[in-house]
Amino acid sequence: MPRQQGPLRVVDLGLVPYGEALALQRETREARLAGRAPDTLFLLEHPPTITLGRRGGPSDFITPRDALPGMGFEVYDTDRGGEATYHGPGQLVGYPIVAIRELGLSVPRFVELLEQTLIACLAGLHLGAQRREGSPGVWVGGRKIGAIGVHLKRWVSMHGFALNVCPDLKHFEAIVPCGMEDAEVTSIEAELGRSPAMDEVKERVSKSFRRAFGYGGVETEAAMTSR
């Protein structure tokens, strides 16, 4: 269990373009590094976006990269770990800006607790999920339902996790998700035959995150306006 902390700040951003959310993450991480902000969890959705992590490359695109903007996708190179990932409406994205050393955590343990957060959320929806050794993320059987990719600067995290609630799964066909050619992508909706409300999933993830990381409570803020 991480060291006991004060409340966690949770901010619901709603639907936010990736570039705006990236700028907000960087701004908040600098504030956290300077001691001007608490540990913060941003919860949000993105318009259709494909991001490429540090281990990604041209082979991660099934649809040619230069064709994607004309199909309605934004494409970004990022400094997170991993390869290609899709984000879009119906997928809950979480960006924890967390000082993991103050929580007494190593990087592998931090990733494990992010996985634990998603697994606990899914259990509350009566959906069994697991980790897979050597493949960060969360799985239902052999199907991937949650992705994780982080970046740390002086032990403060950025980027985070993505949980497929009810996205258009066909959009994942534009890439090799997480560099795994044989991995099938799934969602809560596909597994249960129905989709819970996104607000319900956000609440479950917020509570699961707080419990996994040992925060004393949650301070929730309403959705922020576009920057």
C-alpha atoms as a PDB file:
ATOM      1  CA  MET A   1       0.000   0.000   0.000  1.00  0.00           C
ATOM      2  CA  PRO A   2       1.385   3.463  -0.891  1.00  0.00           C
ATOM      3  CA  ARG A   3       2.038   5.956   1.887  1.00  0.00           C
ATOM      4  CA  GLN A   4      -1.115   7.642   3.127  1.00  0.00           C
ATOM      5  CA  GLN A   5      -1.798  10.942   1.390  1.00  0.00           C
ATOM      6  CA  GLY A   6      -4.272  13.794   1.567  1.00  0.00           C
ATOM      7  CA  PRO A   7      -7.145  14.139  -0.891  1.00  0.00           C
ATOM      8  CA  LEU A   8      -6.743  13.502  -4.609  1.00  0.00           C
ATOM      9  CA  ARG A   9      -7.861  16.255  -6.977  1.00  0.00           C
ATOM     10  CA  VAL A  10     -10.028  14.801  -9.750  1.00  0.00           C
ATOM     11  CA  VAL A  11     -10.927  17.011 -12.717  1.00  0.00           C
ATOM     12  CA  ASP A  12     -13.539  15.951 -15.279  1.00  0.00           C
ATOM     13  CA  LEU A  13     -12.566  17.630 -18.551  1.00  0.00           C
ATOM     14  CA  GLY A  14     -15.294  16.179 -20.759  1.00  0.00           C
ATOM     15  CA  LEU A  15     -14.393  15.878 -24.461  1.00  0.00           C
ATOM     16  CA  VAL A  16     -11.053  17.619 -25.108  1.00  0.00           C
ATOM     17  CA  PRO A  17      -8.768  17.706 -28.167  1.00  0.00           C
ATOM     18  CA  TYR A  18      -5.549  15.830 -27.508  1.00  0.00           C
ATOM     19  CA  GLY A  19      -3.305  18.853 -27.957  1.00  0.00           C
ATOM     20  CA  GLU A  20      -5.220  20.876 -25.362  1.00  0.00           C
ATOM     21  CA  ALA A  21      -5.090  18.037 -22.857  1.00  0.00           C
ATOM     22  CA  LEU A  22      -1.359  17.571 -23.482  1.00  0.00           C
ATOM     23  CA  ALA A  23      -0.687  21.247 -22.781  1.00  0.00           C
ATOM     24  CA  LEU A  24      -2.754  21.046 -19.596  1.00  0.00           C
ATOM     25  CA  GLN A  25      -0.847  17.966 -18.446  1.00  0.00           C
ATOM     26  CA  ARG A  26       2.488  19.687 -18.956  1.00  0.00           C
ATOM     27  CA  GLU A  27       1.338  22.824 -17.168  1.00  0.00           C
ATOM     28  CA  THR A  28      -0.026  20.829 -14.239  1.00  0.00           C
ATOM     29  CA  ARG A  29       3.100  18.690 -13.968  1.00  0.00           C
ATOM     30  CA  GLU A  30       5.277  21.795 -13.750  1.00  0.00           C
ATOM     31  CA  ALA A  31       2.998  23.109 -11.012  1.00  0.00           C
ATOM     32  CA  ARG A  32       3.209  19.784  -9.175  1.00  0.00           C
ATOM     33  CA  LEU A  33       7.008  19.794  -9.444  1.00  0.00           C
ATOM     34  CA  ALA A  34       7.064  23.310  -7.992  1.00  0.00           C
ATOM     35  CA  GLY A  35       4.742  22.348  -5.144  1.00  0.00           C
ATOM     36  CA  ARG A  36       1.934  24.587  -6.440  1.00  0.00           C
ATOM     37  CA  ALA A  37      -0.539  21.786  -7.225  1.00  0.00           C
ATOM     38  CA  PRO A  38      -1.676  18.564  -5.530  1.00  0.00           C
ATOM     39  CA  ASP A  39      -1.666  15.135  -7.102  1.00  0.00           C
ATOM     40  CA  THR A  40      -4.303  15.376  -9.841  1.00  0.00           C
ATOM     41  CA  LEU A  41      -6.254  12.917 -11.966  1.00  0.00           C
ATOM     42  CA  PHE A  42      -7.761  14.257 -15.200  1.00  0.00           C
ATOM     43  CA  LEU A  43     -10.642  12.200 -16.618  1.00  0.00           C
ATOM     44  CA  LEU A  44     -11.724  12.879 -20.192  1.00  0.00           C
ATOM     45  CA  GLU A  45     -12.482  11.695 -23.701  1.00  0.00           C
ATOM     46  CA  HIS A  46     -10.734  12.702 -26.922  1.00  0.00           C
ATOM     47  CA  PRO A  47     -11.967  13.162 -30.486  1.00  0.00           C
ATOM     48  CA  PRO A  48     -10.560  10.406 -32.759  1.00  0.00           C
ATOM     49  CA  THR A  49      -6.802  10.528 -32.201  1.00  0.00           C
ATOM     50  CA  ILE A  50      -3.853   8.217 -32.702  1.00  0.00           C
ATOM     51  CA  THR A  51      -0.757   8.677 -30.569  1.00  0.00           C
ATOM     52  CA  LEU A  52       2.628   7.073 -31.097  1.00  0.00           C
ATOM     53  CA  GLY A  53       4.801   6.283 -28.077  1.00  0.00           C
ATOM     54  CA  ARG A  54       8.571   6.206 -27.822  1.00  0.00           C
ATOM     55  CA  ARG A  55       8.816   2.626 -29.116  1.00  0.00           C
ATOM     56  CA  GLY A  56       6.472   3.251 -32.041  1.00  0.00           C
ATOM     57  CA  GLY A  57       7.323   3.578 -35.710  1.00  0.00           C
ATOM     58  CA  PRO A  58       5.898   3.460 -39.244  1.00  0.00           C
ATOM     59  CA  SER A  59       5.105  -0.248 -38.942  1.00  0.00           C
ATOM     60  CA  ASP A  60       2.521   0.540 -36.254  1.00  0.00           C
ATOM     61  CA  PHE A  61       0.240   2.125 -38.854  1.00  0.00           C
ATOM     62  CA  ILE A  62      -1.993  -0.146 -40.915  1.00  0.00           C
ATOM     63  CA  THR A  63      -3.647   2.833 -42.585  1.00  0.00           C
ATOM     64  CA  PRO A  64      -0.877   5.101 -43.953  1.00  0.00           C
ATOM     65  CA  ARG A  65      -0.159   7.859 -41.459  1.00  0.00           C
ATOM     66  CA  ASP A  66      -0.538  10.651 -43.994  1.00  0.00           C
ATOM     67  CA  ALA A  67      -4.033   9.408 -44.887  1.00  0.00           C
ATOM     68  CA  LEU A  68      -5.369   9.514 -41.335  1.00  0.00           C
ATOM     69  CA  PRO A  69      -6.089  13.280 -41.045  1.00  0.00           C
ATOM     70  CA  GLY A  70      -8.326  13.087 -44.101  1.00  0.00           C
ATOM     71  CA  MET A  71     -10.252  10.296 -42.360  1.00  0.00           C
ATOM     72  CA  GLY A  72     -10.909  12.440 -39.282  1.00  0.00           C
ATOM     73  CA  PHE A  73      -8.013  11.331 -37.060  1.00  0.00           C
ATOM     74  CA  GLU A  74      -5.475  13.574 -35.387  1.00  0.00           C
ATOM     75  CA  VAL A  75      -2.016  12.004 -35.055  1.00  0.00           C
ATOM     76  CA  TYR A  76       0.572  12.846 -32.387  1.00  0.00           C
ATOM     77  CA  ASP A  77       4.052  11.648 -31.498  1.00  0.00           C
ATOM     78  CA  THR A  78       4.372  11.506 -27.709  1.00  0.00           C
ATOM     79  CA  ASP A  79       6.985  10.872 -25.032  1.00  0.00           C
ATOM     80  CA  ARG A  80       4.991   8.150 -23.256  1.00  0.00           C
ATOM     81  CA  GLY A  81       6.044   4.527 -23.275  1.00  0.00           C
ATOM     82  CA  GLY A  82       4.652   2.017 -25.735  1.00  0.00           C
ATOM     83  CA  GLU A  83       3.706   2.064 -29.400  1.00  0.00           C
ATOM     84  CA  ALA A  84       0.514   3.192 -31.166  1.00  0.00           C
ATOM     85  CA  THR A  85      -2.730   3.788 -29.292  1.00  0.00           C
ATOM     86  CA  TYR A  86      -6.146   5.003 -30.385  1.00  0.00           C
ATOM     87  CA  HIS A  87      -8.249   7.474 -28.386  1.00  0.00           C
ATOM     88  CA  GLY A  88     -11.792   8.482 -29.222  1.00  0.00           C
ATOM     89  CA  PRO A  89     -15.304   9.148 -27.945  1.00  0.00           C
ATOM     90  CA  GLY A  90     -16.563   6.356 -25.733  1.00  0.00           C
ATOM     91  CA  GLN A  91     -13.102   5.676 -24.316  1.00  0.00           C
ATOM     92  CA  LEU A  92     -12.332   6.976 -20.821  1.00  0.00           C
ATOM     93  CA  VAL A  93      -8.839   8.436 -20.606  1.00  0.00           C
ATOM     94  CA  GLY A  94      -7.141   9.115 -17.282  1.00  0.00           C
ATOM     95  CA  TYR A  95      -4.084  11.341 -16.903  1.00  0.00           C
ATOM     96  CA  PRO A  96      -2.633  11.134 -13.373  1.00  0.00           C
ATOM     97  CA  ILE A  97      -0.188  13.917 -12.516  1.00  0.00           C
ATOM     98  CA  VAL A  98       1.235  12.203  -9.460  1.00  0.00           C
ATOM     99  CA  ALA A  99       4.475  12.510  -7.463  1.00  0.00           C
ATOM    100  CA  ILE A 100       5.120   8.784  -7.258  1.00  0.00           C
ATOM    101  CA  ARG A 101       8.258   9.035  -5.095  1.00  0.00           C
ATOM    102  CA  GLU A 102       6.222  10.832  -2.422  1.00  0.00           C
ATOM    103  CA  LEU A 103       3.871   7.849  -2.522  1.00  0.00           C
ATOM    104  CA  GLY A 104       6.835   5.519  -2.009  1.00  0.00           C
ATOM    105  CA  LEU A 105       6.333   3.861  -5.395  1.00  0.00           C
ATOM    106  CA  SER A 106       8.659   2.481  -8.037  1.00  0.00           C
ATOM    107  CA  VAL A 107       7.716   2.876 -11.701  1.00  0.00           C
ATOM    108  CA  PRO A 108       6.682  -0.804 -12.077  1.00  0.00           C
ATOM    109  CA  ARG A 109       4.527  -0.577  -8.958  1.00  0.00           C
ATOM    110  CA  PHE A 110       2.933   2.628 -10.234  1.00  0.00           C
ATOM    111  CA  VAL A 111       1.959   0.843 -13.461  1.00  0.00           C
ATOM    112  CA  GLU A 112       0.603  -2.114 -11.454  1.00  0.00           C
ATOM    113  CA  LEU A 113      -1.615   0.221  -9.427  1.00  0.00           C
ATOM    114  CA  LEU A 114      -2.959   1.808 -12.608  1.00  0.00           C
ATOM    115  CA  GLU A 115      -3.842  -1.693 -13.809  1.00  0.00           C
ATOM    116  CA  GLN A 116      -5.376  -2.464 -10.416  1.00  0.00           C
ATOM    117  CA  THR A 117      -7.505   0.683 -10.694  1.00  0.00           C
ATOM    118  CA  LEU A 118      -9.029  -0.484 -13.973  1.00  0.00           C
ATOM    119  CA  ILE A 119      -9.441  -4.078 -12.822  1.00  0.00           C
ATOM    120  CA  ALA A 120     -11.322  -2.943  -9.697  1.00  0.00           C
ATOM    121  CA  CYS A 121     -13.537  -0.638 -11.771  1.00  0.00           C
ATOM    122  CA  LEU A 122     -14.426  -3.473 -14.138  1.00  0.00           C
ATOM    123  CA  ALA A 123     -15.083  -5.871 -11.256  1.00  0.00           C
ATOM    124  CA  GLY A 124     -17.691  -3.424  -9.986  1.00  0.00           C
ATOM    125  CA  LEU A 125     -19.396  -3.782 -13.369  1.00  0.00           C
ATOM    126  CA  HIS A 126     -19.317  -7.591 -13.062  1.00  0.00           C
ATOM    127  CA  LEU A 127     -16.583  -7.925 -15.664  1.00  0.00           C
ATOM    128  CA  GLY A 128     -13.512  -9.971 -14.781  1.00  0.00           C
ATOM    129  CA  ALA A 129     -10.222  -8.535 -16.055  1.00  0.00           C
ATOM    130  CA  GLN A 130      -6.575  -9.441 -15.580  1.00  0.00           C
ATOM    131  CA  ARG A 131      -3.026  -8.286 -16.102  1.00  0.00           C
ATOM    132  CA  ARG A 132      -0.831  -9.989 -18.672  1.00  0.00           C
ATOM    133  CA  GLU A 133       2.811 -10.575 -17.774  1.00  0.00           C
ATOM    134  CA  GLY A 134       5.100  -8.442 -19.928  1.00  0.00           C
ATOM    135  CA  SER A 135       2.241  -6.497 -21.536  1.00  0.00           C
ATOM    136  CA  PRO A 136       1.135  -3.423 -19.567  1.00  0.00           C
ATOM    137  CA  GLY A 137      -2.611  -2.940 -19.680  1.00  0.00           C
ATOM    138  CA  VAL A 138      -5.770  -4.796 -18.739  1.00  0.00           C
ATOM    139  CA  TRP A 139      -7.254  -7.816 -20.494  1.00  0.00           C
ATOM    140  CA  VAL A 140     -10.537  -9.715 -20.610  1.00  0.00           C
ATOM    141  CA  GLY A 141      -9.536 -13.186 -21.679  1.00  0.00           C
ATOM    142  CA  GLY A 142      -7.228 -12.589 -24.630  1.00  0.00           C
ATOM    143  CA  ARG A 143      -8.812  -9.244 -25.511  1.00  0.00           C
ATOM    144  CA  LYS A 144      -7.350  -5.898 -24.490  1.00  0.00           C
ATOM    145  CA  ILE A 145      -9.775  -3.513 -22.815  1.00  0.00           C
ATOM    146  CA  GLY A 146      -7.394  -1.036 -21.145  1.00  0.00           C
ATOM    147  CA  ALA A 147      -4.061   0.475 -22.235  1.00  0.00           C
ATOM    148  CA  ILE A 148      -1.373   2.093 -20.098  1.00  0.00           C
ATOM    149  CA  GLY A 149       1.547   4.337 -21.064  1.00  0.00           C
ATOM    150  CA  VAL A 150       3.329   6.814 -18.800  1.00  0.00           C
ATOM    151  CA  HIS A 151       6.210   9.257 -18.727  1.00  0.00           C
ATOM    152  CA  LEU A 152       7.994  10.598 -15.642  1.00  0.00           C
ATOM    153  CA  LYS A 153       9.914  13.805 -15.080  1.00  0.00           C
ATOM    154  CA  ARG A 154      11.691  13.997 -11.728  1.00  0.00           C
ATOM    155  CA  TRP A 155       9.305  11.292 -10.474  1.00  0.00           C
ATOM    156  CA  VAL A 156       6.101  13.132 -11.428  1.00  0.00           C
ATOM    157  CA  SER A 157       3.956  11.235 -13.918  1.00  0.00           C
ATOM    158  CA  MET A 158       2.177  12.250 -17.090  1.00  0.00           C
ATOM    159  CA  HIS A 159      -0.024  10.396 -19.612  1.00  0.00           C
ATOM    160  CA  GLY A 160      -1.707   7.362 -18.007  1.00  0.00           C
ATOM    161  CA  PHE A 161      -4.478   4.953 -19.008  1.00  0.00           C
ATOM    162  CA  ALA A 162      -7.327   4.458 -21.470  1.00  0.00           C
ATOM    163  CA  LEU A 163     -10.362   2.255 -20.752  1.00  0.00           C
ATOM    164  CA  ASN A 164     -12.621   1.194 -23.615  1.00  0.00           C
ATOM    165  CA  VAL A 165     -16.190   1.807 -22.502  1.00  0.00           C
ATOM    166  CA  CYS A 166     -18.093   2.067 -25.802  1.00  0.00           C
ATOM    167  CA  PRO A 167     -15.732   3.392 -28.508  1.00  0.00           C
ATOM    168  CA  ASP A 168     -15.985   2.568 -32.198  1.00  0.00           C
ATOM    169  CA  LEU A 169     -13.740  -0.511 -32.185  1.00  0.00           C
ATOM    170  CA  LYS A 170     -13.311  -0.307 -35.969  1.00  0.00           C
ATOM    171  CA  HIS A 171     -11.108   2.751 -35.423  1.00  0.00           C
ATOM    172  CA  PHE A 172      -8.456   0.504 -33.866  1.00  0.00           C
ATOM    173  CA  GLU A 173      -8.071  -1.157 -37.266  1.00  0.00           C
ATOM    174  CA  ALA A 174      -6.030   1.838 -38.451  1.00  0.00           C
ATOM    175  CA  ILE A 175      -3.117   0.775 -36.241  1.00  0.00           C
ATOM    176  CA  VAL A 176      -1.369  -2.188 -34.646  1.00  0.00           C
ATOM    177  CA  PRO A 177      -2.665  -1.519 -31.118  1.00  0.00           C
ATOM    178  CA  CYS A 178       0.209  -1.315 -28.643  1.00  0.00           C
ATOM    179  CA  GLY A 179       2.446  -3.053 -31.168  1.00  0.00           C
ATOM    180  CA  MET A 180       0.648  -6.377 -30.724  1.00  0.00           C
ATOM    181  CA  GLU A 181      -0.446  -7.775 -34.076  1.00  0.00           C
ATOM    182  CA  ASP A 182      -2.345 -10.708 -32.572  1.00  0.00           C
ATOM    183  CA  ALA A 183      -4.156  -8.709 -29.851  1.00  0.00           C
ATOM    184  CA  GLU A 184      -7.908  -8.255 -30.205  1.00  0.00           C
ATOM    185  CA  VAL A 185      -9.329  -5.045 -28.762  1.00  0.00           C
ATOM    186  CA  THR A 186     -12.577  -5.077 -26.818  1.00  0.00           C
ATOM    187  CA  SER A 187     -14.772  -2.779 -24.727  1.00  0.00           C
ATOM    188  CA  ILE A 188     -17.168  -2.918 -21.796  1.00  0.00           C
ATOM    189  CA  GLU A 189     -20.043  -2.618 -24.259  1.00  0.00           C
ATOM    190  CA  ALA A 190     -18.756  -5.499 -26.405  1.00  0.00           C
ATOM    191  CA  GLU A 191     -18.245  -7.761 -23.403  1.00  0.00           C
ATOM    192  CA  LEU A 192     -21.477  -7.032 -21.540  1.00  0.00           C
ATOM    193  CA  GLY A 193     -23.776  -6.318 -24.479  1.00  0.00           C
ATOM    194  CA  ARG A 194     -24.557  -2.926 -23.000  1.00  0.00           C
ATOM    195  CA  SER A 195     -22.678   0.193 -22.008  1.00  0.00           C
ATOM    196  CA  PRO A 196     -22.772   1.852 -18.593  1.00  0.00           C
ATOM    197  CA  ALA A 197     -23.020   5.634 -18.549  1.00  0.00           C
ATOM    198  CA  MET A 198     -19.638   7.321 -18.884  1.00  0.00           C
ATOM    199  CA  ASP A 199     -20.314   9.298 -15.694  1.00  0.00           C
ATOM    200  CA  GLU A 200     -20.747   6.029 -13.808  1.00  0.00           C
ATOM    201  CA  VAL A 201     -17.443   4.698 -15.132  1.00  0.00           C
ATOM    202  CA  LYS A 202     -15.693   7.948 -14.213  1.00  0.00           C
ATOM    203  CA  GLU A 203     -17.002   7.703 -10.660  1.00  0.00           C
ATOM    204  CA  ARG A 204     -15.905   4.072 -10.365  1.00  0.00           C
ATOM    205  CA  VAL A 205     -12.442   4.824 -11.749  1.00  0.00           C
ATOM    206  CA  SER A 206     -12.046   7.812  -9.426  1.00  0.00           C
ATOM    207  CA  LYS A 207     -12.903   5.712  -6.363  1.00  0.00           C
ATOM    208  CA  SER A 208     -10.755   2.786  -7.480  1.00  0.00           C
ATOM    209  CA  PHE A 209      -7.789   5.092  -8.113  1.00  0.00           C
ATOM    210  CA  ARG A 210      -8.135   6.686  -4.682  1.00  0.00           C
ATOM    211  CA  ARG A 211      -8.247   3.303  -2.958  1.00  0.00           C
ATOM    212  CA  ALA A 212      -5.381   1.809  -4.970  1.00  0.00           C
ATOM    213  CA  PHE A 213      -3.083   4.739  -4.233  1.00  0.00           C
ATOM    214  CA  GLY A 214      -4.182   5.345  -0.634  1.00  0.00           C
ATOM    215  CA  TYR A 215      -5.498   8.894  -0.885  1.00  0.00           C
ATOM    216  CA  GLY A 216      -7.551  10.173   2.032  1.00  0.00           C
ATOM    217  CA  GLY A 217     -10.391  11.409  -0.157  1.00  0.00           C
ATOM    218  CA  VAL A 218     -11.328  12.957  -3.486  1.00  0.00           C
ATOM    219  CA  GLU A 219     -11.844  16.607  -4.357  1.00  0.00           C
ATOM    220  CA  THR A 220     -13.807  16.699  -7.600  1.00  0.00           C
ATOM    221  CA  GLU A 221     -13.934  19.659  -9.973  1.00  0.00           C
ATOM    222  CA  ALA A 222     -16.453  20.267 -12.731  1.00  0.00           C
ATOM    223  CA  ALA A 223     -15.454  20.053 -16.374  1.00  0.00           C
ATOM    224  CA  MET A 224     -13.087  22.845 -17.357  1.00  0.00           C
ATOM    225  CA  THR A 225     -13.724  25.123 -20.303  1.00  0.00           C
ATOM    226  CA  SER A 226     -11.629  24.892 -23.444  1.00  0.00           C
ATOM    227  CA  ARG A 227      -8.226  26.508 -23.115  1.00  0.00           C
END
